[in-house]
């Protein structure tokens, strides 16, 4: 293809002359073209970045969407765990510890440092590092609370064992076999003294029985006394049950236990007699709480039904003459 030459008419010379373009004009044309191309490119790239995603951006957006969905699911599980732990803590404070009269654990101990529940919308434009930190904070809170709860249950287990020991130690049965309840001769309170015939405080319950009838320990404990008392109890046994409780069994014909011996509830410690200040074979039984003699009628709950208990209270309340 032949190159086209351009001519122009020169009015001064009245001739057609060949058009020559200076290098400055050529440079300006080239510079203008390059500038226009650059501006156009910038506009196209800006539009592309504004409305079109690159493959990498598409991948990142997909990962962010999946991460957010997983975070929402994980947050729901954490909230469910928080609710479960809160229910356990509530039962621990208001039920289990209430049974053992133990003070509830304060929230400051359970939580340590308390973290608030995360808001999903708050993390819509948050980096994954902050999301992970938020989850780790909540998991730390849960782990700490579960650890404290485990320690609390260990404490409750020890309290259960101590409570079992206490329940086996506290007097809870009658000292002699008395299913028909007809062996209660005299109760706790002011009664007529069998010798002086005057009102006198009777500090226990008298159970009449044939000579040699077995006498049983009414709770677990250790024998503190097992000897003869010239003052009135005759051959008698005193058992220390712990927890402030002691029991006394008087007027035996013979003692089976010895001082320092560990005794179980229902174990035979002696036999009914009439030794000491006594007007007939019987067992004088006392319950002592922190040094004060109290009515034993309230300590037969392992032996009696509600009906039997009411009947026994009426029998023991009769204003009659004691046997000692």
Protein backbone atom coordinates (compact mmCIF):
# COMPACT_ATOMS: atom_id res chain seq x y z
CA UNK A 1 0.00 0.00 0.00
CA UNK A 2 1.44 3.29 -1.08
CA UNK A 3 1.96 5.98 1.47
CA UNK A 4 -0.38 8.93 0.97
CA UNK A 5 1.36 12.25 0.74
CA UNK A 6 -0.39 15.40 1.80
CA UNK A 7 -0.01 18.75 0.03
CA UNK A 8 -1.21 22.25 0.67
CA UNK A 9 -1.50 25.35 -1.57
CA UNK A 10 0.95 28.08 -0.68
CA UNK A 11 -0.63 31.46 -1.50
CA UNK A 12 2.66 33.17 -1.37
CA UNK A 13 4.33 31.03 -4.00
CA UNK A 14 1.11 30.02 -5.75
CA UNK A 15 2.23 26.44 -5.71
CA UNK A 16 1.25 23.14 -4.13
CA UNK A 17 3.81 22.19 -1.60
CA UNK A 18 4.28 18.99 0.41
CA UNK A 19 2.92 19.20 3.97
CA UNK A 20 5.65 18.61 6.51
CA UNK A 21 4.76 18.02 10.21
CA UNK A 22 7.30 19.17 12.80
CA UNK A 23 8.59 16.78 15.39
CA UNK A 24 7.11 19.00 18.15
CA UNK A 25 3.65 18.58 16.67
CA UNK A 26 4.18 14.84 16.34
CA UNK A 27 5.33 14.67 19.95
CA UNK A 28 2.28 16.58 21.13
CA UNK A 29 -0.03 14.29 19.16
CA UNK A 30 1.62 11.19 20.61
CA UNK A 31 1.52 12.63 24.15
CA UNK A 32 -2.15 13.52 23.76
CA UNK A 33 -2.96 10.04 22.54
CA UNK A 34 -1.12 8.41 25.43
CA UNK A 35 -2.83 10.73 27.96
CA UNK A 36 -6.26 9.97 26.55
CA UNK A 37 -5.49 6.25 26.64
CA UNK A 38 -4.34 6.46 30.26
CA UNK A 39 -7.42 8.39 31.38
CA UNK A 40 -9.69 5.96 29.57
CA UNK A 41 -7.88 3.01 31.14
CA UNK A 42 -8.17 4.52 34.62
CA UNK A 43 -11.90 5.09 34.13
CA UNK A 44 -12.41 1.51 32.88
CA UNK A 45 -10.37 0.01 35.74
CA UNK A 46 -12.23 2.13 38.31
CA UNK A 47 -15.55 0.96 36.96
CA UNK A 48 -14.31 -2.64 36.93
CA UNK A 49 -13.07 -2.47 40.54
CA UNK A 50 -16.30 -0.80 41.62
CA UNK A 51 -18.78 -3.21 40.08
CA UNK A 52 -16.79 -6.32 39.19
CA UNK A 53 -14.90 -8.71 41.55
CA UNK A 54 -11.64 -10.32 40.72
CA UNK A 55 -11.37 -14.13 41.17
CA UNK A 56 -9.41 -13.56 44.36
CA UNK A 57 -12.04 -11.19 45.72
CA UNK A 58 -14.78 -13.65 44.87
CA UNK A 59 -12.90 -16.33 46.79
CA UNK A 60 -12.38 -14.03 49.77
CA UNK A 61 -16.04 -12.99 49.81
CA UNK A 62 -17.08 -16.65 49.77
CA UNK A 63 -14.69 -17.43 52.64
CA UNK A 64 -16.01 -14.47 54.64
CA UNK A 65 -19.62 -15.59 54.10
CA UNK A 66 -18.79 -19.17 55.19
CA UNK A 67 -16.83 -17.87 58.19
CA UNK A 68 -19.76 -15.71 59.29
CA UNK A 69 -22.18 -18.62 58.97
CA UNK A 70 -19.86 -20.84 61.03
CA UNK A 71 -19.44 -18.08 63.60
CA UNK A 72 -23.20 -17.66 63.95
CA UNK A 73 -23.58 -21.45 64.42
CA UNK A 74 -20.75 -21.54 66.95
CA UNK A 75 -22.22 -18.56 68.80
CA UNK A 76 -25.54 -20.40 69.12
CA UNK A 77 -23.78 -23.42 70.62
CA UNK A 78 -21.88 -21.19 73.05
CA UNK A 79 -25.13 -19.47 74.08
CA UNK A 80 -26.71 -22.90 74.64
CA UNK A 81 -23.74 -23.93 76.80
CA UNK A 82 -24.02 -20.66 78.76
CA UNK A 83 -27.68 -21.44 79.44
CA UNK A 84 -26.93 -25.00 80.54
CA UNK A 85 -24.10 -23.90 82.84
CA UNK A 86 -26.31 -21.14 84.28
CA UNK A 87 -29.01 -23.72 85.10
CA UNK A 88 -26.43 -25.96 86.83
CA UNK A 89 -25.13 -22.99 88.81
CA UNK A 90 -28.67 -22.02 89.84
CA UNK A 91 -29.47 -25.56 91.01
CA UNK A 92 -26.12 -25.70 92.80
CA UNK A 93 -26.76 -22.42 94.66
CA UNK A 94 -30.48 -22.74 95.41
CA UNK A 95 -31.02 -26.49 95.81
CA UNK A 96 -27.91 -28.55 96.49
CA UNK A 97 -26.16 -26.06 98.75
CA UNK A 98 -29.48 -25.22 100.39
CA UNK A 99 -29.84 -28.85 101.48
CA UNK A 100 -26.52 -28.66 103.31
CA UNK A 101 -27.02 -25.10 104.55
CA UNK A 102 -23.92 -24.03 102.63
CA UNK A 103 -23.52 -20.48 101.32
CA UNK A 104 -23.92 -20.08 97.53
CA UNK A 105 -20.83 -19.30 95.46
CA UNK A 106 -20.76 -15.61 94.37
CA UNK A 107 -20.75 -14.81 90.65
CA UNK A 108 -17.34 -13.17 90.97
CA UNK A 109 -15.83 -16.57 91.80
CA UNK A 110 -17.78 -18.45 89.14
CA UNK A 111 -17.03 -16.05 86.28
CA UNK A 112 -13.64 -14.73 87.25
CA UNK A 113 -13.64 -12.09 84.54
CA UNK A 114 -17.09 -11.90 83.02
CA UNK A 115 -17.37 -11.68 79.25
CA UNK A 116 -20.50 -10.36 77.60
CA UNK A 117 -22.26 -12.34 74.89
CA UNK A 118 -21.05 -11.25 71.46
CA UNK A 119 -23.36 -9.49 69.00
CA UNK A 120 -23.13 -10.90 65.49
CA UNK A 121 -23.91 -7.58 63.79
CA UNK A 122 -21.08 -5.98 65.69
CA UNK A 123 -18.62 -8.26 63.89
CA UNK A 124 -20.02 -7.85 60.37
CA UNK A 125 -16.90 -5.93 59.33
CA UNK A 126 -14.50 -7.27 61.92
CA UNK A 127 -11.34 -9.17 61.13
CA UNK A 128 -11.21 -12.90 61.68
CA UNK A 129 -8.58 -12.38 64.40
CA UNK A 130 -11.06 -10.37 66.47
CA UNK A 131 -13.78 -12.96 65.88
CA UNK A 132 -11.46 -15.71 67.10
CA UNK A 133 -10.49 -13.59 70.12
CA UNK A 134 -14.16 -13.08 70.98
CA UNK A 135 -14.90 -16.81 70.75
CA UNK A 136 -11.80 -17.67 72.80
CA UNK A 137 -12.90 -15.19 75.49
CA UNK A 138 -16.30 -16.84 75.77
CA UNK A 139 -14.78 -20.33 75.77
CA UNK A 140 -12.42 -19.24 78.53
CA UNK A 141 -15.39 -18.03 80.56
CA UNK A 142 -17.20 -21.34 80.06
CA UNK A 143 -14.11 -23.40 80.95
CA UNK A 144 -13.57 -21.34 84.10
CA UNK A 145 -17.20 -21.66 85.18
CA UNK A 146 -17.20 -25.41 84.50
CA UNK A 147 -13.99 -25.78 86.50
CA UNK A 148 -15.49 -23.87 89.43
CA UNK A 149 -18.68 -25.93 89.12
CA UNK A 150 -16.66 -29.18 89.24
CA UNK A 151 -14.92 -27.97 92.40
CA UNK A 152 -18.32 -27.06 93.84
CA UNK A 153 -19.65 -30.56 93.14
CA UNK A 154 -16.54 -32.02 94.78
CA UNK A 155 -17.35 -29.90 97.84
CA UNK A 156 -20.98 -31.06 97.74
CA UNK A 157 -19.81 -34.67 97.55
CA UNK A 158 -17.78 -34.14 100.70
CA UNK A 159 -20.81 -32.48 102.30
CA UNK A 160 -22.96 -35.47 101.32
CA UNK A 161 -20.51 -37.84 103.00
CA UNK A 162 -20.37 -35.59 106.07
CA UNK A 163 -24.19 -35.38 106.07
CA UNK A 164 -24.44 -39.17 105.89
CA UNK A 165 -22.07 -39.46 108.82
CA UNK A 166 -24.09 -36.88 110.73
CA UNK A 167 -27.38 -38.63 109.98
CA UNK A 168 -26.00 -41.95 111.21
CA UNK A 169 -24.63 -40.26 114.34
CA UNK A 170 -27.71 -38.30 115.41
CA UNK A 171 -29.95 -40.36 117.73
CA UNK A 172 -32.86 -41.72 115.68
CA UNK A 173 -34.25 -44.94 117.26
CA UNK A 174 -35.60 -46.08 120.61
CA UNK A 175 -33.07 -47.62 123.02
CA UNK A 176 -35.21 -50.72 123.57
CA UNK A 177 -37.50 -52.69 121.29
CA UNK A 178 -40.88 -50.99 121.56
CA UNK A 179 -42.95 -51.61 118.43
CA UNK A 180 -46.22 -51.57 120.37
CA UNK A 181 -45.23 -48.31 122.15
CA UNK A 182 -46.47 -49.69 125.49
CA UNK A 183 -43.08 -49.51 127.22
CA UNK A 184 -43.00 -45.71 127.64
CA UNK A 185 -43.56 -45.26 131.39
CA UNK A 186 -42.60 -41.64 131.94
CA UNK A 187 -41.66 -38.77 129.63
CA UNK A 188 -39.53 -35.65 129.68
CA UNK A 189 -40.60 -32.83 132.04
CA UNK A 190 -41.77 -32.38 135.59
CA UNK A 191 -42.90 -35.73 137.08
CA UNK A 192 -43.59 -37.12 140.55
CA UNK A 193 -40.38 -38.39 142.17
CA UNK A 194 -40.92 -42.07 143.07
CA UNK A 195 -39.07 -41.73 146.38
CA UNK A 196 -39.79 -38.20 147.59
CA UNK A 197 -43.26 -37.96 145.99
CA UNK A 198 -42.67 -34.35 144.96
CA UNK A 199 -42.59 -32.76 141.45
CA UNK A 200 -39.13 -32.99 140.00
CA UNK A 201 -37.64 -32.38 136.58
CA UNK A 202 -37.33 -35.69 134.74
CA UNK A 203 -34.59 -35.21 132.12
CA UNK A 204 -35.29 -38.25 129.96
CA UNK A 205 -37.77 -40.98 129.04
CA UNK A 206 -38.22 -44.20 131.03
CA UNK A 207 -38.76 -47.40 129.04
CA UNK A 208 -40.03 -50.29 131.13
CA UNK A 209 -38.76 -53.74 130.14
CA UNK A 210 -38.00 -57.11 131.62
CA UNK A 211 -34.69 -57.55 133.40
CA UNK A 212 -31.98 -58.39 130.83
CA UNK A 213 -33.74 -56.81 127.82
CA UNK A 214 -31.09 -55.55 125.34
CA UNK A 215 -30.40 -51.82 125.21
CA UNK A 216 -29.35 -50.42 121.83
CA UNK A 217 -27.24 -47.43 120.88
CA UNK A 218 -29.48 -44.94 119.12
CA UNK A 219 -26.75 -43.52 116.87
CA UNK A 220 -23.12 -43.98 115.85
CA UNK A 221 -20.57 -42.64 118.30
CA UNK A 222 -17.85 -43.29 120.86
CA UNK A 223 -18.46 -44.46 124.43
CA UNK A 224 -17.49 -41.65 126.82
CA UNK A 225 -18.65 -43.24 130.10
CA UNK A 226 -19.38 -46.84 131.05
CA UNK A 227 -19.44 -47.26 134.82
CA UNK A 228 -21.54 -47.23 138.00
CA UNK A 229 -22.98 -43.97 139.33
CA UNK A 230 -23.84 -43.93 143.02
CA UNK A 231 -25.79 -40.72 142.54
CA UNK A 232 -28.71 -42.23 140.68
CA UNK A 233 -28.02 -43.68 137.20
CA UNK A 234 -26.46 -46.89 138.51
CA UNK A 235 -24.75 -48.83 135.76
CA UNK A 236 -24.95 -46.48 132.81
CA UNK A 237 -23.38 -45.63 129.44
CA UNK A 238 -22.82 -42.23 127.85
CA UNK A 239 -22.14 -42.12 124.09
CA UNK A 240 -20.65 -39.10 122.35
CA UNK A 241 -22.16 -38.94 118.85
CA UNK A 242 -20.36 -35.80 117.70
CA UNK A 243 -22.11 -32.76 116.20
CA UNK A 244 -22.92 -31.68 119.77
CA UNK A 245 -24.99 -34.80 120.62
CA UNK A 246 -24.65 -37.25 123.50
CA UNK A 247 -27.01 -39.94 124.82
CA UNK A 248 -27.24 -41.52 128.27
CA UNK A 249 -28.60 -44.98 129.11
CA UNK A 250 -29.16 -45.60 132.84
CA UNK A 251 -30.01 -48.29 135.42
CA UNK A 252 -28.49 -51.23 133.51
CA UNK A 253 -28.04 -54.62 135.09
CA UNK A 254 -24.84 -55.10 133.11
CA UNK A 255 -22.74 -52.99 130.75
CA UNK A 256 -21.43 -54.49 127.52
CA UNK A 257 -19.51 -51.49 126.11
CA UNK A 258 -16.23 -50.00 127.26
CA UNK A 259 -14.91 -46.44 127.27
CA UNK A 260 -13.41 -45.42 123.92
CA UNK A 261 -15.25 -48.09 121.95
CA UNK A 262 -16.78 -47.05 118.62
CA UNK A 263 -20.45 -47.89 118.53
CA UNK A 264 -22.88 -48.30 115.61
CA UNK A 265 -26.57 -47.49 115.73
CA UNK A 266 -28.52 -50.58 116.85
CA UNK A 267 -25.53 -52.17 118.58
CA UNK A 268 -26.22 -53.69 122.03
CA UNK A 269 -24.41 -51.68 124.72
CA UNK A 270 -25.97 -53.27 127.83
CA UNK A 271 -29.07 -54.83 129.37
CA UNK A 272 -32.07 -53.45 131.25
CA UNK A 273 -31.80 -53.51 135.04
CA UNK A 274 -32.75 -51.54 138.14
CA UNK A 275 -29.40 -50.34 139.47
CA UNK A 276 -28.92 -46.97 141.14
CA UNK A 277 -31.92 -44.86 142.10
CA UNK A 278 -34.65 -46.99 140.54
CA UNK A 279 -37.99 -48.46 141.59
CA UNK A 280 -38.13 -51.16 138.93
CA UNK A 281 -36.47 -52.57 135.82
CA UNK A 282 -36.31 -49.91 133.12
CA UNK A 283 -33.99 -47.93 130.84
CA UNK A 284 -33.67 -44.25 131.58
CA UNK A 285 -32.77 -42.58 128.27
CA UNK A 286 -31.51 -39.02 127.77
CA UNK A 287 -30.51 -36.92 124.74
CA UNK A 288 -28.01 -34.14 125.41
CA UNK A 289 -27.37 -31.35 122.88
CA UNK A 290 -24.34 -29.13 123.54
CA UNK A 291 -24.53 -29.97 127.23
CA UNK A 292 -28.28 -29.30 127.55
CA UNK A 293 -30.69 -32.16 128.20
CA UNK A 294 -33.55 -32.06 125.69
CA UNK A 295 -36.71 -34.08 125.10
CA UNK A 296 -35.77 -37.42 123.47
CA UNK A 297 -39.29 -37.78 122.03
CA UNK A 298 -38.19 -35.92 118.89
CA UNK A 299 -35.35 -38.36 118.13
CA UNK A 300 -37.21 -41.54 117.16
CA UNK A 301 -37.87 -40.61 113.51
CA UNK A 302 -36.29 -43.83 112.18
CA UNK A 303 -38.59 -45.92 114.33
CA UNK A 304 -41.98 -44.25 114.16
CA UNK A 305 -44.58 -43.39 111.56
CA UNK A 306 -46.38 -40.06 111.84
CA UNK A 307 -49.31 -41.77 113.59
CA UNK A 308 -47.02 -43.63 116.02
CA UNK A 309 -45.16 -40.42 116.75
CA UNK A 310 -48.35 -38.57 117.70
CA UNK A 311 -49.40 -41.46 119.90
CA UNK A 312 -46.01 -41.64 121.61
CA UNK A 313 -46.02 -37.88 122.26
CA UNK A 314 -49.35 -38.23 124.06
CA UNK A 315 -48.09 -41.19 126.11
CA UNK A 316 -44.87 -39.42 127.12
CA UNK A 317 -46.77 -36.24 128.03
CA UNK A 318 -48.82 -37.99 130.74
CA UNK A 319 -48.22 -36.38 134.12
CA UNK A 320 -47.33 -39.52 136.06
CA UNK A 321 -44.65 -40.84 138.38
CA UNK A 322 -41.18 -41.52 137.03
CA UNK A 323 -39.21 -44.73 137.72
CA UNK A 324 -36.11 -42.87 139.00
